[in-house]
PDB file of N, CA and C in Angstrom:
ATOM      1  N   MET A   1     189.188 -34.282  80.600  1.00  0.00           N
ATOM      2  CA  MET A   1     190.043 -35.383  80.278  1.00  0.00           C
ATOM      3  C   MET A   1     190.883 -34.960  79.073  1.00  0.00           C
ATOM      4  N   ARG A   2     192.148 -35.277  79.124  1.00  0.00           N
ATOM      5  CA  ARG A   2     193.051 -34.933  78.015  1.00  0.00           C
ATOM      6  C   ARG A   2     193.637 -36.211  77.450  1.00  0.00           C
ATOM      7  N   LEU A   3     193.510 -36.371  76.159  1.00  0.00           N
ATOM      8  CA  LEU A   3     194.116 -37.486  75.450  1.00  0.00           C
ATOM      9  C   LEU A   3     195.253 -36.941  74.603  1.00  0.00           C
ATOM     10  N   GLU A   4     196.377 -37.647  74.612  1.00  0.00           N
ATOM     11  CA  GLU A   4     197.524 -37.236  73.807  1.00  0.00           C
ATOM     12  C   GLU A   4     197.920 -38.364  72.880  1.00  0.00           C
ATOM     13  N   GLY A   5     198.124 -38.024  71.609  1.00  0.00           N
ATOM     14  CA  GLY A   5     198.614 -38.984  70.635  1.00  0.00           C
ATOM     15  C   GLY A   5     200.105 -38.796  70.436  1.00  0.00           C
ATOM     16  N   HIS A   6     200.836 -39.902  70.425  1.00  0.00           N
ATOM     17  CA  HIS A   6     202.295 -39.873  70.284  1.00  0.00           C
ATOM     18  C   HIS A   6     202.728 -40.831  69.184  1.00  0.00           C
ATOM     19  N   THR A   7     203.936 -40.653  68.715  1.00  0.00           N
ATOM     20  CA  THR A   7     204.591 -41.613  67.813  1.00  0.00           C
ATOM     21  C   THR A   7     206.053 -41.718  68.239  1.00  0.00           C
ATOM     22  N   ASP A   8     206.757 -42.624  67.565  1.00  0.00           N
ATOM     23  CA  ASP A   8     208.202 -42.659  67.779  1.00  0.00           C
ATOM     24  C   ASP A   8     208.848 -41.632  66.858  1.00  0.00           C
ATOM     25  N   GLN A   9     210.163 -41.640  66.761  1.00  0.00           N
ATOM     26  CA  GLN A   9     210.859 -40.640  65.961  1.00  0.00           C
ATOM     27  C   GLN A   9     211.214 -41.133  64.565  1.00  0.00           C
ATOM     28  N   ILE A  10     210.688 -42.276  64.191  1.00  0.00           N
ATOM     29  CA  ILE A  10     210.948 -42.822  62.865  1.00  0.00           C
ATOM     30  C   ILE A  10     209.984 -42.164  61.875  1.00  0.00           C
ATOM     31  N   GLY A  11     210.483 -41.758  60.737  1.00  0.00           N
ATOM     32  CA  GLY A  11     209.649 -41.109  59.727  1.00  0.00           C
ATOM     33  C   GLY A  11     209.705 -39.600  59.846  1.00  0.00           C
ATOM     34  N   ASP A  12     209.058 -38.940  58.892  1.00  0.00           N
ATOM     35  CA  ASP A  12     209.094 -37.481  58.910  1.00  0.00           C
ATOM     36  C   ASP A  12     208.022 -36.931  59.862  1.00  0.00           C
ATOM     37  N   GLU A  13     208.224 -35.704  60.274  1.00  0.00           N
ATOM     38  CA  GLU A  13     207.358 -35.096  61.289  1.00  0.00           C
ATOM     39  C   GLU A  13     205.912 -34.964  60.817  1.00  0.00           C
ATOM     40  N   ALA A  14     205.703 -34.622  59.556  1.00  0.00           N
ATOM     41  CA  ALA A  14     204.335 -34.474  59.040  1.00  0.00           C
ATOM     42  C   ALA A  14     203.570 -35.797  59.139  1.00  0.00           C
ATOM     43  N   SER A  15     204.214 -36.884  58.773  1.00  0.00           N
ATOM     44  CA  SER A  15     203.569 -38.202  58.867  1.00  0.00           C
ATOM     45  C   SER A  15     203.306 -38.584  60.319  1.00  0.00           C
ATOM     46  N   ASN A  16     204.264 -38.270  61.186  1.00  0.00           N
ATOM     47  CA  ASN A  16     204.092 -38.586  62.608  1.00  0.00           C
ATOM     48  C   ASN A  16     202.950 -37.775  63.232  1.00  0.00           C
ATOM     49  N   LEU A  17     202.821 -36.516  62.844  1.00  0.00           N
ATOM     50  CA  LEU A  17     201.710 -35.709  63.361  1.00  0.00           C
ATOM     51  C   LEU A  17     200.369 -36.262  62.896  1.00  0.00           C
ATOM     52  N   LYS A  18     200.276 -36.653  61.629  1.00  0.00           N
ATOM     53  CA  LYS A  18     199.038 -37.224  61.113  1.00  0.00           C
ATOM     54  C   LYS A  18     198.709 -38.525  61.834  1.00  0.00           C
ATOM     55  N   LEU A  19     199.690 -39.383  62.022  1.00  0.00           N
ATOM     56  CA  LEU A  19     199.474 -40.647  62.712  1.00  0.00           C
ATOM     57  C   LEU A  19     199.023 -40.421  64.149  1.00  0.00           C
ATOM     58  N   SER A  20     199.673 -39.520  64.860  1.00  0.00           N
ATOM     59  CA  SER A  20     199.286 -39.269  66.252  1.00  0.00           C
ATOM     60  C   SER A  20     197.897 -38.641  66.325  1.00  0.00           C
ATOM     61  N   ARG A  21     197.562 -37.769  65.359  1.00  0.00           N
ATOM     62  CA  ARG A  21     196.218 -37.181  65.316  1.00  0.00           C
ATOM     63  C   ARG A  21     195.171 -38.258  65.055  1.00  0.00           C
ATOM     64  N   ASP A  22     195.432 -39.124  64.088  1.00  0.00           N
ATOM     65  CA  ASP A  22     194.493 -40.200  63.769  1.00  0.00           C
ATOM     66  C   ASP A  22     194.274 -41.108  64.971  1.00  0.00           C
ATOM     67  N   ARG A  23     195.339 -41.431  65.681  1.00  0.00           N
ATOM     68  CA  ARG A  23     195.230 -42.300  66.859  1.00  0.00           C
ATOM     69  C   ARG A  23     194.362 -41.680  67.947  1.00  0.00           C
ATOM     70  N   VAL A  24     194.613 -40.420  68.252  1.00  0.00           N
ATOM     71  CA  VAL A  24     193.883 -39.786  69.347  1.00  0.00           C
ATOM     72  C   VAL A  24     192.413 -39.565  68.975  1.00  0.00           C
ATOM     73  N   ILE A  25     192.130 -39.300  67.718  1.00  0.00           N
ATOM     74  CA  ILE A  25     190.735 -39.129  67.293  1.00  0.00           C
ATOM     75  C   ILE A  25     189.977 -40.446  67.396  1.00  0.00           C
ATOM     76  N   ILE A  26     190.611 -41.546  67.047  1.00  0.00           N
ATOM     77  CA  ILE A  26     189.973 -42.856  67.172  1.00  0.00           C
ATOM     78  C   ILE A  26     189.631 -43.151  68.630  1.00  0.00           C
ATOM     79  N   VAL A  27     190.541 -42.865  69.532  1.00  0.00           N
ATOM     80  CA  VAL A  27     190.286 -43.097  70.955  1.00  0.00           C
ATOM     81  C   VAL A  27     189.162 -42.189  71.451  1.00  0.00           C
ATOM     82  N   LYS A  28     189.175 -40.937  71.040  1.00  0.00           N
ATOM     83  CA  LYS A  28     188.105 -40.010  71.437  1.00  0.00           C
ATOM     84  C   LYS A  28     186.752 -40.506  70.945  1.00  0.00           C
ATOM     85  N   ASN A  29     186.691 -40.938  69.692  1.00  0.00           N
ATOM     86  CA  ASN A  29     185.439 -41.456  69.146  1.00  0.00           C
ATOM     87  C   ASN A  29     184.963 -42.685  69.911  1.00  0.00           C
ATOM     88  N   TYR A  30     185.886 -43.564  70.256  1.00  0.00           N
ATOM     89  CA  TYR A  30     185.539 -44.758  71.022  1.00  0.00           C
ATOM     90  C   TYR A  30     184.948 -44.374  72.381  1.00  0.00           C
ATOM     91  N   LEU A  31     185.608 -43.464  73.082  1.00  0.00           N
ATOM     92  CA  LEU A  31     185.112 -43.040  74.389  1.00  0.00           C
ATOM     93  C   LEU A  31     183.745 -42.373  74.274  1.00  0.00           C
ATOM     94  N   SER A  32     183.542 -41.605  73.215  1.00  0.00           N
ATOM     95  CA  SER A  32     182.245 -40.970  72.991  1.00  0.00           C
ATOM     96  C   SER A  32     181.160 -42.019  72.789  1.00  0.00           C
ATOM     97  N   LEU A  33     181.477 -43.059  72.028  1.00  0.00           N
ATOM     98  CA  LEU A  33     180.514 -44.143  71.819  1.00  0.00           C
ATOM     99  C   LEU A  33     180.182 -44.868  73.119  1.00  0.00           C
ATOM    100  N   LYS A  34     181.120 -44.884  74.043  1.00  0.00           N
ATOM    101  CA  LYS A  34     180.912 -45.553  75.336  1.00  0.00           C
ATOM    102  C   LYS A  34     180.237 -44.643  76.349  1.00  0.00           C
ATOM    103  N   GLY A  35     179.874 -43.420  75.944  1.00  0.00           N
ATOM    104  CA  GLY A  35     179.089 -42.559  76.810  1.00  0.00           C
ATOM    105  C   GLY A  35     179.792 -41.354  77.403  1.00  0.00           C
ATOM    106  N   VAL A  36     181.067 -41.169  77.122  1.00  0.00           N
ATOM    107  CA  VAL A  36     181.771 -39.993  77.622  1.00  0.00           C
ATOM    108  C   VAL A  36     181.411 -38.816  76.711  1.00  0.00           C
ATOM    109  N   ALA A  37     180.951 -37.731  77.290  1.00  0.00           N
ATOM    110  CA  ALA A  37     180.589 -36.547  76.497  1.00  0.00           C
ATOM    111  C   ALA A  37     181.819 -36.025  75.773  1.00  0.00           C
ATOM    112  N   SER A  38     181.693 -35.834  74.465  1.00  0.00           N
ATOM    113  CA  SER A  38     182.859 -35.434  73.675  1.00  0.00           C
ATOM    114  C   SER A  38     183.391 -34.059  74.061  1.00  0.00           C
ATOM    115  N   ASP A  39     182.530 -33.208  74.624  1.00  0.00           N
ATOM    116  CA  ASP A  39     183.024 -31.888  75.044  1.00  0.00           C
ATOM    117  C   ASP A  39     183.860 -31.961  76.317  1.00  0.00           C
ATOM    118  N   ARG A  40     183.905 -33.127  76.958  1.00  0.00           N
ATOM    119  CA  ARG A  40     184.758 -33.332  78.128  1.00  0.00           C
ATOM    120  C   ARG A  40     186.130 -33.860  77.744  1.00  0.00           C
ATOM    121  N   ILE A  41     186.326 -34.162  76.473  1.00  0.00           N
ATOM    122  CA  ILE A  41     187.569 -34.770  76.011  1.00  0.00           C
ATOM    123  C   ILE A  41     188.377 -33.754  75.217  1.00  0.00           C
ATOM    124  N   GLU A  42     189.517 -33.397  75.749  1.00  0.00           N
ATOM    125  CA  GLU A  42     190.459 -32.509  75.061  1.00  0.00           C
ATOM    126  C   GLU A  42     191.498 -33.401  74.386  1.00  0.00           C
ATOM    127  N   ILE A  43     191.865 -33.078  73.161  1.00  0.00           N
ATOM    128  CA  ILE A  43     192.864 -33.891  72.472  1.00  0.00           C
ATOM    129  C   ILE A  43     194.093 -33.056  72.113  1.00  0.00           C
ATOM    130  N   ALA A  44     195.215 -33.740  72.071  1.00  0.00           N
ATOM    131  CA  ALA A  44     196.472 -33.137  71.633  1.00  0.00           C
ATOM    132  C   ALA A  44     197.219 -34.201  70.846  1.00  0.00           C
ATOM    133  N   TYR A  45     197.719 -33.828  69.698  1.00  0.00           N
ATOM    134  CA  TYR A  45     198.541 -34.771  68.941  1.00  0.00           C
ATOM    135  C   TYR A  45     199.935 -34.173  68.827  1.00  0.00           C
ATOM    136  N   LEU A  46     200.890 -34.940  69.297  1.00  0.00           N
ATOM    137  CA  LEU A  46     202.245 -34.422  69.480  1.00  0.00           C
ATOM    138  C   LEU A  46     203.257 -35.016  68.524  1.00  0.00           C
ATOM    139  N   GLY A  47     202.872 -36.000  67.733  1.00  0.00           N
ATOM    140  CA  GLY A  47     203.830 -36.624  66.836  1.00  0.00           C
ATOM    141  C   GLY A  47     205.003 -37.174  67.608  1.00  0.00           C
ATOM    142  N   SER A  48     206.198 -36.844  67.164  1.00  0.00           N
ATOM    143  CA  SER A  48     207.402 -37.344  67.839  1.00  0.00           C
ATOM    144  C   SER A  48     208.019 -36.292  68.764  1.00  0.00           C
ATOM    145  N   GLN A  49     207.280 -35.202  69.055  1.00  0.00           N
ATOM    146  CA  GLN A  49     207.816 -34.164  69.934  1.00  0.00           C
ATOM    147  C   GLN A  49     208.079 -34.687  71.334  1.00  0.00           C
ATOM    148  N   ARG A  50     207.215 -35.551  71.825  1.00  0.00           N
ATOM    149  CA  ARG A  50     207.369 -36.167  73.150  1.00  0.00           C
ATOM    150  C   ARG A  50     207.115 -37.660  73.022  1.00  0.00           C
ATOM    151  N   PRO A  51     208.049 -38.413  72.437  1.00  0.00           N
ATOM    152  CA  PRO A  51     207.813 -39.840  72.232  1.00  0.00           C
ATOM    153  C   PRO A  51     207.661 -40.564  73.573  1.00  0.00           C
ATOM    154  N   VAL A  52     206.813 -41.557  73.545  1.00  0.00           N
ATOM    155  CA  VAL A  52     206.576 -42.340  74.759  1.00  0.00           C
ATOM    156  C   VAL A  52     207.604 -43.453  74.824  1.00  0.00           C
TER     157      VAL A  52
END
């Protein structure tokens, strides 16, 4: 399973990368608490490189 964290293009890239990383880690932790093995979860934080 791959989780990707995204942001919009507002703000600087360093802040956007941190925000997208924080978001995806929170989701990964939540899924782990619900029983999904953490080694099955791949994460990517993209900041504003690929805004949704």
